[in-house]
């Protein structure tokens, strides 16, 4: 990778690529993906590896009481809050090697390059590994970054439970990553997050770098439908109170509501039917709903339409319904100066680039509430993510990490 036109520093793409594949062993799956759920033993292993790698180059490692990890390299002006770079190391149950990981290890490669060269930044540079970005084990997503910015109450977060009843706080203690520093006490001058696009746009247009200008809004819901368990052989169709039929109708409603409000999207991603026996009519069904749209007003419409569907379907099928919104992340517009730094980095890279709005949520969406923030996207093959088949090339990873380094140094010039 050639150095940027703005300085003489070039990251080591092979070293970054090797680090990505080394950490993929922590929770590696037979299909080549990664299962590394938040606060699992595999999460502890990758955290230990990350802390050791940061300390080995001389960075100062700290952990807060939500398990967020920080690795700082001092600057010329340590009175300034650091410029932070990072993402997350947790994955989906059938996740890939790059979602989140690229942003943390790309930031590690930035620090390694700065240490190797002896280049002194004005502000300190700090890596962040955010806890529970995915929300796959403990809902909602972006839990610890939400606490960091004051959007989520800490005690509520620490008392979240997974589907097996294990508590977030207890699991944080169990793996040894509940630090003493209060979450949110640390301040940043700016935050840059490198991430795979998780969509097909960059690849389809032959662009290597996405300059991310914002994130669309997200709302999550939990629904429980209760009917009546009964024998499948002796209960006439007209007398049944089948909760699974209600769920099926509402899953279809979620799909219709989203399609009617393009570019909105709607998904039912988790469903549990009880008692889950082949000769018992389902008496209770729990499922989740995920709505996303760049416009908060349209999200209001989607929510209203969904709740109306819940009321209609439960009435028609004589079911009891408990439907509630359990998390919302409003649409975010990133800081103009941070976006400009990423844009300048992209322009100087020699690669094709474009501006883009993020469809998925990211920790950067919360961090933008408390400091100037932006993101950098790299392509991923066929736009596939949250999947063991998730794939990027070494060239794409290298280009993204170089843009991350360049954007941080461009932003750092303001402190000189």
Protein backbone atom coordinates (compact mmCIF):
# COMPACT_ATOMS: atom_id res chain seq x y z
CA UNK A 1 0.00 0.00 0.00
CA UNK A 2 1.58 3.35 -1.01
CA UNK A 3 1.74 6.10 1.60
CA UNK A 4 -0.82 8.88 1.55
CA UNK A 5 -0.17 12.09 -0.35
CA UNK A 6 -0.56 13.93 2.99
CA UNK A 7 2.30 12.09 4.82
CA UNK A 8 4.80 9.27 4.39
CA UNK A 9 3.09 6.60 6.51
CA UNK A 10 1.79 3.38 4.99
CA UNK A 11 0.13 0.64 7.01
CA UNK A 12 1.27 -2.97 6.74
CA UNK A 13 -1.61 -4.74 4.99
CA UNK A 14 -0.20 -8.22 5.55
CA UNK A 15 0.20 -7.60 9.29
CA UNK A 16 -3.43 -6.43 9.46
CA UNK A 17 -4.62 -9.44 7.44
CA UNK A 18 -2.69 -11.85 9.67
CA UNK A 19 -4.20 -10.26 12.81
CA UNK A 20 -7.72 -10.63 11.41
CA UNK A 21 -7.21 -14.32 10.72
CA UNK A 22 -5.42 -14.95 14.02
CA UNK A 23 -8.34 -13.55 16.01
CA UNK A 24 -10.83 -15.50 13.87
CA UNK A 25 -9.64 -18.61 15.74
CA UNK A 26 -11.45 -17.34 18.86
CA UNK A 27 -14.90 -18.75 18.18
CA UNK A 28 -14.07 -20.01 14.69
CA UNK A 29 -16.78 -22.15 13.08
CA UNK A 30 -16.44 -25.17 10.77
CA UNK A 31 -17.81 -23.10 7.87
CA UNK A 32 -15.08 -20.50 8.24
CA UNK A 33 -17.03 -17.89 10.19
CA UNK A 34 -16.93 -16.78 13.81
CA UNK A 35 -19.31 -17.31 16.73
CA UNK A 36 -18.10 -14.94 19.44
CA UNK A 37 -21.07 -13.78 21.46
CA UNK A 38 -20.71 -10.93 23.93
CA UNK A 39 -19.13 -11.91 27.27
CA UNK A 40 -18.67 -15.54 26.23
CA UNK A 41 -15.42 -17.40 26.86
CA UNK A 42 -14.49 -16.71 23.23
CA UNK A 43 -15.06 -12.99 23.81
CA UNK A 44 -12.72 -13.15 26.81
CA UNK A 45 -10.07 -14.86 24.69
CA UNK A 46 -10.13 -12.22 21.96
CA UNK A 47 -10.14 -9.44 24.56
CA UNK A 48 -7.06 -10.95 26.19
CA UNK A 49 -5.36 -11.15 22.78
CA UNK A 50 -6.27 -7.53 21.97
CA UNK A 51 -5.04 -6.21 25.33
CA UNK A 52 -1.76 -8.11 24.93
CA UNK A 53 -1.23 -6.83 21.38
CA UNK A 54 -1.81 -3.22 22.48
CA UNK A 55 0.46 -3.48 25.52
CA UNK A 56 3.18 -5.09 23.39
CA UNK A 57 3.54 -1.90 21.33
CA UNK A 58 3.45 0.36 24.40
CA UNK A 59 -0.18 1.49 24.41
CA UNK A 60 -1.92 2.11 27.74
CA UNK A 61 -4.90 -0.26 28.15
CA UNK A 62 -7.92 0.51 30.35
CA UNK A 63 -11.40 -1.01 30.83
CA UNK A 64 -14.58 0.67 32.05
CA UNK A 65 -17.44 -0.79 34.08
CA UNK A 66 -19.37 -1.80 30.93
CA UNK A 67 -16.36 -3.73 29.61
CA UNK A 68 -15.42 -1.18 26.94
CA UNK A 69 -11.68 -1.42 26.26
CA UNK A 70 -9.40 1.53 25.49
CA UNK A 71 -5.79 1.51 24.25
CA UNK A 72 -4.10 4.93 24.13
CA UNK A 73 -0.96 6.24 22.46
CA UNK A 74 0.05 9.62 23.92
CA UNK A 75 0.43 12.68 21.68
CA UNK A 76 2.35 15.94 21.85
CA UNK A 77 -0.62 17.52 23.66
CA UNK A 78 -1.93 15.10 26.25
CA UNK A 79 -4.17 17.83 27.65
CA UNK A 80 -6.40 17.12 24.62
CA UNK A 81 -8.98 14.32 24.60
CA UNK A 82 -7.82 11.58 22.22
CA UNK A 83 -8.93 11.02 18.66
CA UNK A 84 -10.62 7.64 19.04
CA UNK A 85 -10.71 4.84 16.46
CA UNK A 86 -12.52 1.55 16.88
CA UNK A 87 -15.51 -0.75 16.58
CA UNK A 88 -16.34 -4.12 18.21
CA UNK A 89 -15.03 -7.68 18.54
CA UNK A 90 -18.30 -9.52 19.29
CA UNK A 91 -20.11 -11.33 16.46
CA UNK A 92 -23.44 -12.84 15.49
CA UNK A 93 -24.06 -16.56 16.25
CA UNK A 94 -23.14 -17.31 12.64
CA UNK A 95 -20.96 -14.27 12.00
CA UNK A 96 -18.01 -13.62 9.73
CA UNK A 97 -14.37 -12.63 10.28
CA UNK A 98 -14.68 -8.94 9.43
CA UNK A 99 -17.85 -7.32 10.85
CA UNK A 100 -16.61 -5.07 13.66
CA UNK A 101 -13.25 -6.82 13.83
CA UNK A 102 -11.88 -4.84 10.86
CA UNK A 103 -12.54 -1.59 12.71
CA UNK A 104 -10.72 -2.65 15.90
CA UNK A 105 -7.78 -4.36 14.20
CA UNK A 106 -7.55 -1.63 11.57
CA UNK A 107 -7.17 0.82 14.46
CA UNK A 108 -4.54 -1.46 16.02
CA UNK A 109 -2.66 -1.38 12.71
CA UNK A 110 -2.86 2.44 12.78
CA UNK A 111 -1.22 2.47 16.22
CA UNK A 112 1.39 -0.08 15.18
CA UNK A 113 2.27 2.10 12.17
CA UNK A 114 2.57 5.22 14.33
CA UNK A 115 4.81 3.43 16.84
CA UNK A 116 6.96 1.87 14.11
CA UNK A 117 7.53 5.22 12.41
CA UNK A 118 7.92 7.31 15.55
CA UNK A 119 5.38 9.75 14.12
CA UNK A 120 4.00 12.04 16.85
CA UNK A 121 0.40 13.14 16.62
CA UNK A 122 -0.77 16.33 18.31
CA UNK A 123 -3.68 14.67 20.16
CA UNK A 124 -3.44 11.21 21.70
CA UNK A 125 -4.79 8.39 19.51
CA UNK A 126 -6.98 5.78 21.21
CA UNK A 127 -8.51 2.47 20.12
CA UNK A 128 -11.93 1.48 21.49
CA UNK A 129 -13.46 -2.00 21.58
CA UNK A 130 -17.15 -1.44 22.36
CA UNK A 131 -19.00 -4.15 24.31
CA UNK A 132 -22.13 -5.81 22.87
CA UNK A 133 -22.48 -3.95 19.60
CA UNK A 134 -24.32 -6.83 17.96
CA UNK A 135 -27.06 -7.34 20.54
CA UNK A 136 -27.18 -11.00 19.52
CA UNK A 137 -26.89 -12.26 23.10
CA UNK A 138 -27.98 -9.24 25.13
CA UNK A 139 -30.56 -6.94 23.52
CA UNK A 140 -30.45 -4.18 22.51
CA UNK A 141 -27.56 -3.66 20.14
CA UNK A 142 -24.87 -1.03 20.84
CA UNK A 143 -25.58 -1.49 24.54
CA UNK A 144 -22.30 -0.24 26.01
CA UNK A 145 -21.84 2.68 23.62
CA UNK A 146 -25.43 3.62 24.50
CA UNK A 147 -24.48 3.72 28.18
CA UNK A 148 -21.30 5.66 27.30
CA UNK A 149 -23.31 8.54 25.81
CA UNK A 150 -26.12 8.44 28.39
CA UNK A 151 -28.77 7.08 26.00
CA UNK A 152 -29.13 3.85 28.02
CA UNK A 153 -29.26 3.68 31.83
CA UNK A 154 -26.30 1.72 33.20
CA UNK A 155 -28.12 -0.32 35.86
CA UNK A 156 -30.75 -1.33 33.31
CA UNK A 157 -27.99 -2.44 30.92
CA UNK A 158 -26.14 -4.42 33.60
CA UNK A 159 -29.38 -6.25 34.44
CA UNK A 160 -30.13 -7.33 30.86
CA UNK A 161 -30.45 -11.10 30.49
CA UNK A 162 -29.86 -13.42 27.57
CA UNK A 163 -32.49 -15.98 26.51
CA UNK A 164 -31.01 -18.47 29.01
CA UNK A 165 -31.34 -16.03 31.92
CA UNK A 166 -27.66 -15.12 32.30
CA UNK A 167 -27.19 -11.49 33.38
CA UNK A 168 -24.96 -9.01 31.55
CA UNK A 169 -23.31 -7.73 34.74
CA UNK A 170 -22.71 -11.21 36.11
CA UNK A 171 -21.16 -12.38 32.83
CA UNK A 172 -18.98 -9.26 32.71
CA UNK A 173 -17.65 -10.18 36.15
CA UNK A 174 -17.25 -13.84 35.18
CA UNK A 175 -14.92 -13.15 32.26
CA UNK A 176 -12.97 -10.55 34.26
CA UNK A 177 -13.77 -7.47 32.17
CA UNK A 178 -15.75 -5.22 34.48
CA UNK A 179 -13.35 -2.33 35.03
CA UNK A 180 -13.49 0.38 37.68
CA UNK A 181 -13.63 3.41 35.37
CA UNK A 182 -17.21 4.73 35.06
CA UNK A 183 -18.53 4.22 31.54
CA UNK A 184 -18.85 7.64 29.90
CA UNK A 185 -16.23 9.38 32.03
CA UNK A 186 -13.75 9.32 29.14
CA UNK A 187 -13.93 12.10 26.52
CA UNK A 188 -12.92 12.11 22.84
CA UNK A 189 -11.92 14.89 20.46
CA UNK A 190 -13.40 12.84 17.61
CA UNK A 191 -14.30 9.25 16.71
CA UNK A 192 -13.71 7.39 13.43
CA UNK A 193 -15.08 3.88 12.84
CA UNK A 194 -13.89 1.62 10.01
CA UNK A 195 -16.38 -1.09 8.99
CA UNK A 196 -17.34 -3.32 6.12
CA UNK A 197 -20.34 -1.91 4.25
CA UNK A 198 -22.59 -4.94 4.95
CA UNK A 199 -24.36 -4.07 1.71
CA UNK A 200 -23.77 -4.34 -2.07
CA UNK A 201 -23.40 -0.71 -3.18
CA UNK A 202 -19.61 -0.20 -3.11
CA UNK A 203 -18.91 -3.52 -4.80
CA UNK A 204 -21.57 -2.93 -7.46
CA UNK A 205 -20.10 0.47 -8.32
CA UNK A 206 -16.46 -0.65 -8.18
CA UNK A 207 -15.65 1.71 -5.29
CA UNK A 208 -13.06 0.85 -2.64
CA UNK A 209 -13.95 3.41 0.04
CA UNK A 210 -17.28 4.64 1.39
CA UNK A 211 -17.35 8.08 3.01
CA UNK A 212 -20.20 7.59 5.49
CA UNK A 213 -22.32 10.68 6.06
CA UNK A 214 -24.87 9.21 8.50
CA UNK A 215 -26.87 6.21 9.75
CA UNK A 216 -30.54 5.44 9.21
CA UNK A 217 -32.91 5.10 12.16
CA UNK A 218 -33.61 1.73 13.79
CA UNK A 219 -36.42 0.48 16.02
CA UNK A 220 -36.67 -2.93 17.67
CA UNK A 221 -39.82 -4.55 19.05
CA UNK A 222 -40.67 -7.66 21.06
CA UNK A 223 -44.03 -9.40 20.66
CA UNK A 224 -45.64 -12.23 22.62
CA UNK A 225 -48.87 -13.77 21.32
CA UNK A 226 -50.78 -16.08 23.66
CA UNK A 227 -53.52 -18.46 22.53
CA UNK A 228 -54.40 -21.94 23.77
CA UNK A 229 -52.37 -25.14 23.61
CA UNK A 230 -54.51 -28.06 22.51
CA UNK A 231 -54.30 -31.46 20.80
CA UNK A 232 -53.87 -31.18 17.03
CA UNK A 233 -56.01 -34.24 16.35
CA UNK A 234 -59.11 -33.39 18.36
CA UNK A 235 -59.45 -29.60 18.13
CA UNK A 236 -61.53 -28.37 15.17
CA UNK A 237 -59.96 -25.63 13.06
CA UNK A 238 -62.67 -23.11 13.89
CA UNK A 239 -62.18 -23.51 17.64
CA UNK A 240 -58.43 -23.11 17.70
CA UNK A 241 -56.50 -20.18 19.22
CA UNK A 242 -53.25 -20.78 17.35
CA UNK A 243 -50.59 -18.27 18.33
CA UNK A 244 -48.32 -19.33 15.48
CA UNK A 245 -50.95 -18.41 12.88
CA UNK A 246 -51.06 -14.95 14.46
CA UNK A 247 -47.28 -14.69 14.24
CA UNK A 248 -47.34 -15.74 10.58
CA UNK A 249 -49.87 -13.03 9.75
CA UNK A 250 -47.79 -10.42 11.56
CA UNK A 251 -44.56 -11.51 9.89
CA UNK A 252 -46.31 -10.93 6.58
CA UNK A 253 -47.52 -7.53 7.86
CA UNK A 254 -43.95 -6.51 8.77
CA UNK A 255 -42.83 -7.33 5.24
CA UNK A 256 -45.72 -5.40 3.67
CA UNK A 257 -45.29 -2.34 5.92
CA UNK A 258 -41.64 -2.03 4.95
CA UNK A 259 -42.20 -2.56 1.23
CA UNK A 260 -44.83 0.18 1.20
CA UNK A 261 -42.29 2.64 2.63
CA UNK A 262 -39.15 2.14 0.55
CA UNK A 263 -36.26 2.48 1.27
CA UNK A 264 -37.52 1.22 4.64
CA UNK A 265 -36.80 -2.36 5.68
CA UNK A 266 -38.53 -4.67 8.14
CA UNK A 267 -37.45 -8.03 9.50
CA UNK A 268 -38.59 -10.71 11.93
CA UNK A 269 -35.29 -12.34 12.84
CA UNK A 270 -36.01 -14.33 16.01
CA UNK A 271 -39.07 -16.49 16.72
CA UNK A 272 -39.84 -18.98 19.49
CA UNK A 273 -42.95 -21.18 19.38
CA UNK A 274 -44.14 -22.98 22.51
CA UNK A 275 -44.46 -25.80 23.42
CA UNK A 276 -42.82 -26.58 20.06
CA UNK A 277 -44.33 -30.05 19.73
CA UNK A 278 -45.57 -31.52 16.44
CA UNK A 279 -48.95 -32.60 17.86
CA UNK A 280 -49.72 -29.58 20.06
CA UNK A 281 -51.30 -26.39 18.73
CA UNK A 282 -48.86 -23.56 19.54
CA UNK A 283 -50.14 -21.72 22.60
CA UNK A 284 -47.50 -18.97 22.75
CA UNK A 285 -45.15 -17.37 20.28
CA UNK A 286 -42.43 -14.81 20.95
CA UNK A 287 -40.80 -12.90 18.09
CA UNK A 288 -38.78 -9.78 17.38
CA UNK A 289 -39.26 -7.05 14.79
CA UNK A 290 -36.59 -4.76 13.30
CA UNK A 291 -37.70 -1.65 11.34
CA UNK A 292 -35.23 0.78 9.70
CA UNK A 293 -35.62 3.99 7.70
CA UNK A 294 -33.61 7.22 7.22
CA UNK A 295 -36.64 9.34 8.26
CA UNK A 296 -37.92 9.26 11.86
CA UNK A 297 -41.37 10.36 10.71
CA UNK A 298 -41.68 7.36 8.42
CA UNK A 299 -40.52 5.10 11.27
CA UNK A 300 -43.45 6.53 13.27
CA UNK A 301 -45.77 5.47 10.44
CA UNK A 302 -44.27 1.99 10.31
CA UNK A 303 -44.64 1.59 14.06
CA UNK A 304 -48.27 2.75 14.05
CA UNK A 305 -49.11 0.41 11.17
CA UNK A 306 -47.51 -2.52 12.94
CA UNK A 307 -49.29 -1.94 16.26
CA UNK A 308 -52.58 -1.64 14.36
CA UNK A 309 -51.86 -4.99 12.71
CA UNK A 310 -51.12 -6.58 16.09
CA UNK A 311 -54.48 -5.38 17.40
CA UNK A 312 -56.36 -6.56 14.31
CA UNK A 313 -54.74 -10.01 14.13
CA UNK A 314 -55.05 -10.73 17.85
CA UNK A 315 -58.73 -9.76 17.76
CA UNK A 316 -59.48 -11.93 14.73
CA UNK A 317 -57.76 -15.00 16.19
CA UNK A 318 -58.84 -14.44 19.82
CA UNK A 319 -55.24 -14.09 21.01
CA UNK A 320 -53.74 -12.03 23.79
CA UNK A 321 -50.94 -9.78 22.53
CA UNK A 322 -48.10 -7.99 24.29
CA UNK A 323 -46.19 -5.84 21.79
CA UNK A 324 -43.66 -3.24 22.84
CA UNK A 325 -40.81 -1.22 21.42
CA UNK A 326 -37.67 -2.13 23.37
CA UNK A 327 -35.05 0.00 21.57
CA UNK A 328 -34.78 2.92 19.18
CA UNK A 329 -31.84 4.62 17.51
CA UNK A 330 -32.74 7.84 15.69
CA UNK A 331 -31.30 8.68 12.26
CA UNK A 332 -27.84 10.26 12.58
CA UNK A 333 -26.05 12.85 10.46
CA UNK A 334 -22.29 12.72 11.02
CA UNK A 335 -20.10 15.74 11.77
CA UNK A 336 -19.17 17.76 8.68
CA UNK A 337 -15.49 18.16 9.66
CA UNK A 338 -15.06 14.44 10.33
CA UNK A 339 -16.78 13.57 7.05
CA UNK A 340 -14.49 16.07 5.32
CA UNK A 341 -11.42 14.35 6.82
CA UNK A 342 -12.60 10.96 5.53
CA UNK A 343 -13.39 12.50 2.14
CA UNK A 344 -9.89 14.00 1.90
CA UNK A 345 -8.39 10.65 2.87
CA UNK A 346 -10.47 8.92 0.18
CA UNK A 347 -9.52 11.49 -2.46
CA UNK A 348 -5.82 11.09 -1.72
CA UNK A 349 -5.97 7.28 -1.73
CA UNK A 350 -6.00 6.77 -5.47
CA UNK A 351 -9.04 4.47 -5.07
CA UNK A 352 -12.60 4.97 -6.21
CA UNK A 353 -14.92 6.24 -3.49
CA UNK A 354 -18.42 7.56 -2.90
CA UNK A 355 -20.50 9.08 -0.11
CA UNK A 356 -22.94 6.65 1.48
CA UNK A 357 -25.52 6.40 4.29
CA UNK A 358 -25.23 3.35 6.56
CA UNK A 359 -28.16 0.96 6.63
CA UNK A 360 -26.95 -1.01 9.67
CA UNK A 361 -26.52 0.62 13.06
CA UNK A 362 -23.06 1.12 14.52
CA UNK A 363 -21.55 2.34 17.79
CA UNK A 364 -20.61 5.51 15.89
CA UNK A 365 -24.31 6.40 15.74
CA UNK A 366 -24.36 6.74 19.53
CA UNK A 367 -20.89 8.26 19.86
CA UNK A 368 -21.95 11.03 17.47
CA UNK A 369 -24.10 12.38 20.33
CA UNK A 370 -21.04 13.33 22.39
CA UNK A 371 -18.22 14.10 19.93
CA UNK A 372 -17.58 14.73 16.21
CA UNK A 373 -17.86 11.39 14.42
CA UNK A 374 -17.75 9.71 11.02
CA UNK A 375 -17.21 6.27 9.48
CA UNK A 376 -15.31 4.62 6.64
CA UNK A 377 -16.75 1.68 4.68
CA UNK A 378 -14.98 -0.99 2.66
CA UNK A 379 -16.79 -3.34 0.24
CA UNK A 380 -17.77 -6.88 1.14
CA UNK A 381 -18.43 -9.63 -1.40
CA UNK A 382 -22.04 -9.70 -2.62
CA UNK A 383 -22.94 -7.36 0.26
CA UNK A 384 -23.18 -10.38 2.59
CA UNK A 385 -22.69 -9.88 6.33
CA UNK A 386 -23.95 -11.46 9.57
CA UNK A 387 -23.09 -14.68 7.78
CA UNK A 388 -20.18 -17.12 7.87
CA UNK A 389 -19.70 -16.48 4.14
CA UNK A 390 -18.86 -12.80 4.81
CA UNK A 391 -15.74 -11.97 2.79
CA UNK A 392 -13.44 -9.08 1.87
CA UNK A 393 -10.02 -8.99 0.23
CA UNK A 394 -6.69 -8.06 1.77
CA UNK A 395 -6.56 -5.10 -0.62
CA UNK A 396 -9.93 -3.84 0.63
CA UNK A 397 -8.93 -4.23 4.27
CA UNK A 398 -5.65 -2.42 3.61
CA UNK A 399 -7.34 0.46 1.78
CA UNK A 400 -9.83 0.91 4.60
CA UNK A 401 -7.17 0.93 7.31
CA UNK A 402 -5.03 3.38 5.31
CA UNK A 403 -8.04 5.69 4.98
CA UNK A 404 -8.58 5.38 8.73
CA UNK A 405 -4.97 6.40 9.43
CA UNK A 406 -5.14 9.25 6.94
CA UNK A 407 -8.47 10.59 8.24
CA UNK A 408 -7.17 10.58 11.82
CA UNK A 409 -4.00 12.45 10.85
CA UNK A 410 -5.95 14.94 8.72
CA UNK A 411 -8.25 15.67 11.65
CA UNK A 412 -5.27 15.85 14.01
CA UNK A 413 -3.82 18.78 12.03
CA UNK A 414 -6.33 21.13 13.64
CA UNK A 415 -4.52 20.68 16.97
CA UNK A 416 -1.08 21.63 15.63
